[in-house]
């Protein structure tokens, strides 16, 4: 039960970081800001990729991975 709780908390944590990043993306932002956003997105992506997720959380995990890709596309379009 404790492990499941920790996995859920980690997914929630990374989702919150991703949502915060996405909310800060603005079209036409400076190159430096875009690079900083891309760097943060890659940190999130690498951390999520390293998560050990049991079968019960597979759907939530892959949904998070999909949303990371959506933010990547949005960043590419904004910068």
PDB file of N, CA and C in Angstrom:
ATOM      1  N   UNK A   1       0.836  -1.201   0.000  1.00  0.00           N
ATOM      2  CA  UNK A   1       0.000   0.000   0.000  1.00  0.00           C
ATOM      3  C   UNK A   1       0.876   1.257   0.000  1.00  0.00           C
ATOM      4  N   UNK A   2       1.933   1.225   0.769  1.00  0.00           N
ATOM      5  CA  UNK A   2       2.821   2.385   0.845  1.00  0.00           C
ATOM      6  C   UNK A   2       3.515   2.628  -0.504  1.00  0.00           C
ATOM      7  N   UNK A   3       3.939   1.545  -1.164  1.00  0.00           N
ATOM      8  CA  UNK A   3       4.595   1.678  -2.466  1.00  0.00           C
ATOM      9  C   UNK A   3       3.631   2.281  -3.480  1.00  0.00           C
ATOM     10  N   UNK A   4       2.393   1.813  -3.486  1.00  0.00           N
ATOM     11  CA  UNK A   4       1.385   2.334  -4.416  1.00  0.00           C
ATOM     12  C   UNK A   4       1.150   3.822  -4.172  1.00  0.00           C
ATOM     13  N   UNK A   5       1.126   4.209  -2.905  1.00  0.00           N
ATOM     14  CA  UNK A   5       0.930   5.610  -2.565  1.00  0.00           C
ATOM     15  C   UNK A   5       2.096   6.446  -3.091  1.00  0.00           C
ATOM     16  N   UNK A   6       3.327   5.950  -2.916  1.00  0.00           N
ATOM     17  CA  UNK A   6       4.508   6.679  -3.383  1.00  0.00           C
ATOM     18  C   UNK A   6       4.500   6.815  -4.909  1.00  0.00           C
ATOM     19  N   UNK A   7       4.121   5.756  -5.598  1.00  0.00           N
ATOM     20  CA  UNK A   7       4.049   5.820  -7.068  1.00  0.00           C
ATOM     21  C   UNK A   7       3.023   6.867  -7.489  1.00  0.00           C
ATOM     22  N   UNK A   8       1.867   6.836  -6.869  1.00  0.00           N
ATOM     23  CA  UNK A   8       0.815   7.808  -7.193  1.00  0.00           C
ATOM     24  C   UNK A   8       1.313   9.234  -6.934  1.00  0.00           C
ATOM     25  N   UNK A   9       1.985   9.439  -5.808  1.00  0.00           N
ATOM     26  CA  UNK A   9       2.498  10.762  -5.468  1.00  0.00           C
ATOM     27  C   UNK A   9       3.543  11.239  -6.480  1.00  0.00           C
ATOM     28  N   UNK A  10       4.387  10.335  -6.932  1.00  0.00           N
ATOM     29  CA  UNK A  10       5.393  10.719  -7.929  1.00  0.00           C
ATOM     30  C   UNK A  10       4.740  11.116  -9.246  1.00  0.00           C
ATOM     31  N   UNK A  11       3.749  10.369  -9.678  1.00  0.00           N
ATOM     32  CA  UNK A  11       3.037  10.726 -10.903  1.00  0.00           C
ATOM     33  C   UNK A  11       2.363  12.089 -10.758  1.00  0.00           C
ATOM     34  N   UNK A  12       1.729  12.318  -9.615  1.00  0.00           N
ATOM     35  CA  UNK A  12       1.066  13.604  -9.364  1.00  0.00           C
ATOM     36  C   UNK A  12       2.097  14.735  -9.356  1.00  0.00           C
ATOM     37  N   UNK A  13       3.241  14.506  -8.727  1.00  0.00           N
ATOM     38  CA  UNK A  13       4.298  15.512  -8.664  1.00  0.00           C
ATOM     39  C   UNK A  13       4.766  15.905 -10.064  1.00  0.00           C
ATOM     40  N   UNK A  14       5.077  14.923 -10.903  1.00  0.00           N
ATOM     41  CA  UNK A  14       5.581  15.234 -12.238  1.00  0.00           C
ATOM     42  C   UNK A  14       4.500  15.841 -13.116  1.00  0.00           C
ATOM     43  N   UNK A  15       3.249  15.428 -12.910  1.00  0.00           N
ATOM     44  CA  UNK A  15       2.154  16.054 -13.646  1.00  0.00           C
ATOM     45  C   UNK A  15       2.049  17.526 -13.274  1.00  0.00           C
ATOM     46  N   UNK A  16       2.189  17.836 -11.995  1.00  0.00           N
ATOM     47  CA  UNK A  16       2.123  19.228 -11.543  1.00  0.00           C
ATOM     48  C   UNK A  16       3.252  20.048 -12.151  1.00  0.00           C
ATOM     49  N   UNK A  17       4.459  19.489 -12.188  1.00  0.00           N
ATOM     50  CA  UNK A  17       5.596  20.198 -12.806  1.00  0.00           C
ATOM     51  C   UNK A  17       5.317  20.450 -14.284  1.00  0.00           C
ATOM     52  N   UNK A  18       4.773  19.443 -14.962  1.00  0.00           N
ATOM     53  CA  UNK A  18       4.472  19.583 -16.381  1.00  0.00           C
ATOM     54  C   UNK A  18       3.408  20.653 -16.614  1.00  0.00           C
ATOM     55  N   UNK A  19       2.368  20.648 -15.806  1.00  0.00           N
ATOM     56  CA  UNK A  19       1.296  21.635 -15.953  1.00  0.00           C
ATOM     57  C   UNK A  19       1.811  23.050 -15.704  1.00  0.00           C
ATOM     58  N   UNK A  20       2.690  23.201 -14.708  1.00  0.00           N
ATOM     59  CA  UNK A  20       3.273  24.507 -14.423  1.00  0.00           C
ATOM     60  C   UNK A  20       4.100  24.981 -15.614  1.00  0.00           C
ATOM     61  N   UNK A  21       4.889  24.089 -16.172  1.00  0.00           N
ATOM     62  CA  UNK A  21       5.692  24.422 -17.349  1.00  0.00           C
ATOM     63  C   UNK A  21       4.791  24.826 -18.505  1.00  0.00           C
ATOM     64  N   UNK A  22       3.780  24.034 -18.767  1.00  0.00           N
ATOM     65  CA  UNK A  22       2.888  24.321 -19.887  1.00  0.00           C
ATOM     66  C   UNK A  22       2.208  25.679 -19.713  1.00  0.00           C
ATOM     67  N   UNK A  23       1.809  26.000 -18.508  1.00  0.00           N
ATOM     68  CA  UNK A  23       1.142  27.276 -18.252  1.00  0.00           C
ATOM     69  C   UNK A  23       2.072  28.467 -18.492  1.00  0.00           C
ATOM     70  N   UNK A  24       3.376  28.246 -18.385  1.00  0.00           N
ATOM     71  CA  UNK A  24       4.327  29.345 -18.550  1.00  0.00           C
ATOM     72  C   UNK A  24       4.759  29.560 -19.999  1.00  0.00           C
ATOM     73  N   UNK A  25       4.338  28.687 -20.899  1.00  0.00           N
ATOM     74  CA  UNK A  25       4.718  28.809 -22.310  1.00  0.00           C
ATOM     75  C   UNK A  25       3.865  29.886 -22.979  1.00  0.00           C
ATOM     76  N   UNK A  26       4.544  30.832 -23.613  1.00  0.00           N
ATOM     77  CA  UNK A  26       3.868  31.928 -24.295  1.00  0.00           C
ATOM     78  C   UNK A  26       4.412  31.997 -25.717  1.00  0.00           C
ATOM     79  N   UNK A  27       3.521  32.172 -26.684  1.00  0.00           N
ATOM     80  CA  UNK A  27       3.973  32.313 -28.076  1.00  0.00           C
ATOM     81  C   UNK A  27       4.874  33.531 -28.207  1.00  0.00           C
ATOM     82  N   UNK A  28       5.928  33.386 -28.998  1.00  0.00           N
ATOM     83  CA  UNK A  28       6.810  34.503 -29.274  1.00  0.00           C
ATOM     84  C   UNK A  28       7.769  34.843 -28.148  1.00  0.00           C
ATOM     85  N   UNK A  29       7.976  33.925 -27.211  1.00  0.00           N
ATOM     86  CA  UNK A  29       8.900  34.212 -26.119  1.00  0.00           C
ATOM     87  C   UNK A  29      10.339  34.195 -26.629  1.00  0.00           C
ATOM     88  N   UNK A  30      11.238  34.724 -25.839  1.00  0.00           N
ATOM     89  CA  UNK A  30      12.639  34.827 -26.259  1.00  0.00           C
ATOM     90  C   UNK A  30      13.258  33.441 -26.417  1.00  0.00           C
ATOM     91  N   UNK A  31      14.320  33.410 -27.169  1.00  0.00           N
ATOM     92  CA  UNK A  31      15.039  32.146 -27.400  1.00  0.00           C
ATOM     93  C   UNK A  31      15.546  31.564 -26.077  1.00  0.00           C
ATOM     94  N   UNK A  32      16.033  32.421 -25.202  1.00  0.00           N
ATOM     95  CA  UNK A  32      16.553  31.961 -23.915  1.00  0.00           C
ATOM     96  C   UNK A  32      15.456  31.294 -23.079  1.00  0.00           C
ATOM     97  N   UNK A  33      14.286  31.907 -23.067  1.00  0.00           N
ATOM     98  CA  UNK A  33      13.165  31.347 -22.298  1.00  0.00           C
ATOM     99  C   UNK A  33      12.735  30.019 -22.907  1.00  0.00           C
ATOM    100  N   UNK A  34      12.656  29.972 -24.228  1.00  0.00           N
ATOM    101  CA  UNK A  34      12.289  28.721 -24.902  1.00  0.00           C
ATOM    102  C   UNK A  34      13.294  27.620 -24.586  1.00  0.00           C
ATOM    103  N   UNK A  35      14.583  27.943 -24.600  1.00  0.00           N
ATOM    104  CA  UNK A  35      15.604  26.950 -24.270  1.00  0.00           C
ATOM    105  C   UNK A  35      15.478  26.481 -22.822  1.00  0.00           C
ATOM    106  N   UNK A  36      15.168  27.392 -21.920  1.00  0.00           N
ATOM    107  CA  UNK A  36      14.977  27.023 -20.510  1.00  0.00           C
ATOM    108  C   UNK A  36      13.771  26.094 -20.363  1.00  0.00           C
ATOM    109  N   UNK A  37      12.704  26.393 -21.096  1.00  0.00           N
ATOM    110  CA  UNK A  37      11.520  25.525 -21.054  1.00  0.00           C
ATOM    111  C   UNK A  37      11.838  24.143 -21.612  1.00  0.00           C
ATOM    112  N   UNK A  38      12.567  24.102 -22.700  1.00  0.00           N
ATOM    113  CA  UNK A  38      12.936  22.804 -23.282  1.00  0.00           C
ATOM    114  C   UNK A  38      13.807  21.998 -22.325  1.00  0.00           C
ATOM    115  N   UNK A  39      14.701  22.672 -21.650  1.00  0.00           N
ATOM    116  CA  UNK A  39      15.565  22.012 -20.676  1.00  0.00           C
ATOM    117  C   UNK A  39      14.743  21.432 -19.532  1.00  0.00           C
ATOM    118  N   UNK A  40      13.794  22.198 -19.025  1.00  0.00           N
ATOM    119  CA  UNK A  40      12.922  21.711 -17.956  1.00  0.00           C
ATOM    120  C   UNK A  40      12.085  20.527 -18.436  1.00  0.00           C
ATOM    121  N   UNK A  41      11.577  20.611 -19.650  1.00  0.00           N
ATOM    122  CA  UNK A  41      10.785  19.516 -20.197  1.00  0.00           C
ATOM    123  C   UNK A  41      11.619  18.247 -20.303  1.00  0.00           C
ATOM    124  N   UNK A  42      12.862  18.366 -20.716  1.00  0.00           N
ATOM    125  CA  UNK A  42      13.732  17.193 -20.813  1.00  0.00           C
ATOM    126  C   UNK A  42      14.021  16.610 -19.428  1.00  0.00           C
ATOM    127  N   UNK A  43      14.186  17.474 -18.414  1.00  0.00           N
ATOM    128  CA  UNK A  43      14.369  16.972 -17.037  1.00  0.00           C
ATOM    129  C   UNK A  43      13.156  16.169 -16.600  1.00  0.00           C
ATOM    130  N   UNK A  44      11.975  16.706 -16.876  1.00  0.00           N
ATOM    131  CA  UNK A  44      10.733  16.010 -16.510  1.00  0.00           C
ATOM    132  C   UNK A  44      10.655  14.681 -17.262  1.00  0.00           C
ATOM    133  N   UNK A  45      10.922  14.713 -18.552  1.00  0.00           N
ATOM    134  CA  UNK A  45      10.846  13.510 -19.383  1.00  0.00           C
ATOM    135  C   UNK A  45      11.800  12.430 -18.873  1.00  0.00           C
ATOM    136  N   UNK A  46      13.033  12.803 -18.575  1.00  0.00           N
ATOM    137  CA  UNK A  46      14.015  11.823 -18.082  1.00  0.00           C
ATOM    138  C   UNK A  46      13.584  11.249 -16.730  1.00  0.00           C
ATOM    139  N   UNK A  47      13.085  12.092 -15.853  1.00  0.00           N
ATOM    140  CA  UNK A  47      12.665  11.624 -14.529  1.00  0.00           C
ATOM    141  C   UNK A  47      11.485  10.661 -14.643  1.00  0.00           C
ATOM    142  N   UNK A  48      10.525  10.996 -15.485  1.00  0.00           N
ATOM    143  CA  UNK A  48       9.350  10.136 -15.657  1.00  0.00           C
ATOM    144  C   UNK A  48       9.761   8.810 -16.297  1.00  0.00           C
ATOM    145  N   UNK A  49      10.683   8.854 -17.242  1.00  0.00           N
ATOM    146  CA  UNK A  49      11.137   7.632 -17.910  1.00  0.00           C
ATOM    147  C   UNK A  49      11.798   6.666 -16.920  1.00  0.00           C
ATOM    148  N   UNK A  50      12.381   7.200 -15.855  1.00  0.00           N
ATOM    149  CA  UNK A  50      13.056   6.356 -14.862  1.00  0.00           C
ATOM    150  C   UNK A  50      12.117   5.799 -13.793  1.00  0.00           C
ATOM    151  N   UNK A  51      10.864   6.251 -13.778  1.00  0.00           N
ATOM    152  CA  UNK A  51       9.940   5.777 -12.745  1.00  0.00           C
ATOM    153  C   UNK A  51       9.679   4.282 -12.888  1.00  0.00           C
ATOM    154  N   UNK A  52       9.651   3.609 -11.761  1.00  0.00           N
ATOM    155  CA  UNK A  52       9.282   2.198 -11.724  1.00  0.00           C
ATOM    156  C   UNK A  52       7.786   2.150 -11.427  1.00  0.00           C
ATOM    157  N   UNK A  53       6.999   1.842 -12.459  1.00  0.00           N
ATOM    158  CA  UNK A  53       5.548   1.921 -12.340  1.00  0.00           C
ATOM    159  C   UNK A  53       4.927   0.536 -12.426  1.00  0.00           C
ATOM    160  N   UNK A  54       4.186   0.128 -11.380  1.00  0.00           N
ATOM    161  CA  UNK A  54       3.509  -1.166 -11.443  1.00  0.00           C
ATOM    162  C   UNK A  54       2.368  -1.149 -12.458  1.00  0.00           C
ATOM    163  N   UNK A  55       1.932  -2.336 -12.830  1.00  0.00           N
ATOM    164  CA  UNK A  55       0.878  -2.480 -13.850  1.00  0.00           C
ATOM    165  C   UNK A  55      -0.354  -1.634 -13.563  1.00  0.00           C
ATOM    166  N   UNK A  56      -0.720  -1.512 -12.316  1.00  0.00           N
ATOM    167  CA  UNK A  56      -1.928  -0.768 -11.955  1.00  0.00           C
ATOM    168  C   UNK A  56      -1.859   0.702 -12.364  1.00  0.00           C
ATOM    169  N   UNK A  57      -0.650   1.224 -12.561  1.00  0.00           N
ATOM    170  CA  UNK A  57      -0.470   2.630 -12.901  1.00  0.00           C
ATOM    171  C   UNK A  57      -0.020   2.839 -14.349  1.00  0.00           C
ATOM    172  N   UNK A  58      -0.039   1.794 -15.141  1.00  0.00           N
ATOM    173  CA  UNK A  58       0.440   1.884 -16.516  1.00  0.00           C
ATOM    174  C   UNK A  58      -0.318   2.927 -17.323  1.00  0.00           C
ATOM    175  N   UNK A  59      -1.618   2.963 -17.205  1.00  0.00           N
ATOM    176  CA  UNK A  59      -2.412   3.914 -17.980  1.00  0.00           C
ATOM    177  C   UNK A  59      -2.072   5.355 -17.593  1.00  0.00           C
ATOM    178  N   UNK A  60      -1.980   5.621 -16.307  1.00  0.00           N
ATOM    179  CA  UNK A  60      -1.633   6.973 -15.846  1.00  0.00           C
ATOM    180  C   UNK A  60      -0.228   7.346 -16.311  1.00  0.00           C
ATOM    181  N   UNK A  61       0.676   6.393 -16.262  1.00  0.00           N
ATOM    182  CA  UNK A  61       2.057   6.627 -16.691  1.00  0.00           C
ATOM    183  C   UNK A  61       2.111   7.002 -18.171  1.00  0.00           C
ATOM    184  N   UNK A  62       1.449   6.227 -19.012  1.00  0.00           N
ATOM    185  CA  UNK A  62       1.501   6.510 -20.445  1.00  0.00           C
ATOM    186  C   UNK A  62       0.710   7.756 -20.815  1.00  0.00           C
ATOM    187  N   UNK A  63      -0.293   8.086 -20.058  1.00  0.00           N
ATOM    188  CA  UNK A  63      -0.996   9.346 -20.270  1.00  0.00           C
ATOM    189  C   UNK A  63      -0.063  10.509 -19.973  1.00  0.00           C
ATOM    190  N   UNK A  64       0.686  10.415 -18.890  1.00  0.00           N
ATOM    191  CA  UNK A  64       1.666  11.450 -18.566  1.00  0.00           C
ATOM    192  C   UNK A  64       2.717  11.562 -19.668  1.00  0.00           C
ATOM    193  N   UNK A  65       3.222  10.422 -20.151  1.00  0.00           N
ATOM    194  CA  UNK A  65       4.214  10.448 -21.236  1.00  0.00           C
ATOM    195  C   UNK A  65       3.632  11.115 -22.486  1.00  0.00           C
ATOM    196  N   UNK A  66       2.372  10.846 -22.788  1.00  0.00           N
ATOM    197  CA  UNK A  66       1.711  11.471 -23.938  1.00  0.00           C
ATOM    198  C   UNK A  66       1.606  12.979 -23.762  1.00  0.00           C
ATOM    199  N   UNK A  67       1.291  13.406 -22.558  1.00  0.00           N
ATOM    200  CA  UNK A  67       1.177  14.840 -22.301  1.00  0.00           C
ATOM    201  C   UNK A  67       2.536  15.534 -22.370  1.00  0.00           C
ATOM    202  N   UNK A  68       3.576  14.837 -21.981  1.00  0.00           N
ATOM    203  CA  UNK A  68       4.929  15.386 -22.143  1.00  0.00           C
ATOM    204  C   UNK A  68       5.182  15.641 -23.624  1.00  0.00           C
ATOM    205  N   UNK A  69       4.797  14.693 -24.477  1.00  0.00           N
ATOM    206  CA  UNK A  69       4.978  14.872 -25.919  1.00  0.00           C
ATOM    207  C   UNK A  69       4.144  16.031 -26.456  1.00  0.00           C
ATOM    208  N   UNK A  70       2.932  16.203 -25.935  1.00  0.00           N
ATOM    209  CA  UNK A  70       2.088  17.326 -26.370  1.00  0.00           C
ATOM    210  C   UNK A  70       2.724  18.663 -26.004  1.00  0.00           C
ATOM    211  N   UNK A  71       3.294  18.747 -24.818  1.00  0.00           N
ATOM    212  CA  UNK A  71       3.969  19.984 -24.409  1.00  0.00           C
ATOM    213  C   UNK A  71       5.207  20.208 -25.279  1.00  0.00           C
ATOM    214  N   UNK A  72       5.899  19.144 -25.635  1.00  0.00           N
ATOM    215  CA  UNK A  72       7.057  19.269 -26.521  1.00  0.00           C
ATOM    216  C   UNK A  72       6.637  19.876 -27.863  1.00  0.00           C
ATOM    217  N   UNK A  73       5.521  19.409 -28.408  1.00  0.00           N
ATOM    218  CA  UNK A  73       5.008  19.938 -29.673  1.00  0.00           C
ATOM    219  C   UNK A  73       4.621  21.414 -29.511  1.00  0.00           C
ATOM    220  N   UNK A  74       3.972  21.725 -28.414  1.00  0.00           N
ATOM    221  CA  UNK A  74       3.572  23.119 -28.168  1.00  0.00           C
ATOM    222  C   UNK A  74       4.799  24.020 -28.053  1.00  0.00           C
ATOM    223  N   UNK A  75       5.833  23.545 -27.380  1.00  0.00           N
ATOM    224  CA  UNK A  75       7.069  24.320 -27.264  1.00  0.00           C
ATOM    225  C   UNK A  75       7.702  24.544 -28.632  1.00  0.00           C
ATOM    226  N   UNK A  76       7.716  23.535 -29.447  1.00  0.00           N
ATOM    227  CA  UNK A  76       8.291  23.668 -30.788  1.00  0.00           C
ATOM    228  C   UNK A  76       7.522  24.704 -31.610  1.00  0.00           C
ATOM    229  N   UNK A  77       6.209  24.740 -31.432  1.00  0.00           N
ATOM    230  CA  UNK A  77       5.397  25.684 -32.184  1.00  0.00           C
ATOM    231  C   UNK A  77       5.539  27.112 -31.668  1.00  0.00           C
ATOM    232  N   UNK A  78       5.821  27.260 -30.381  1.00  0.00           N
ATOM    233  CA  UNK A  78       5.895  28.602 -29.794  1.00  0.00           C
ATOM    234  C   UNK A  78       7.239  29.265 -30.019  1.00  0.00           C
ATOM    235  N   UNK A  79       8.285  28.452 -30.180  1.00  0.00           N
ATOM    236  CA  UNK A  79       9.627  29.039 -30.269  1.00  0.00           C
ATOM    237  C   UNK A  79      10.148  28.878 -31.632  1.00  0.00           C
TER     238      UNK A  79
END
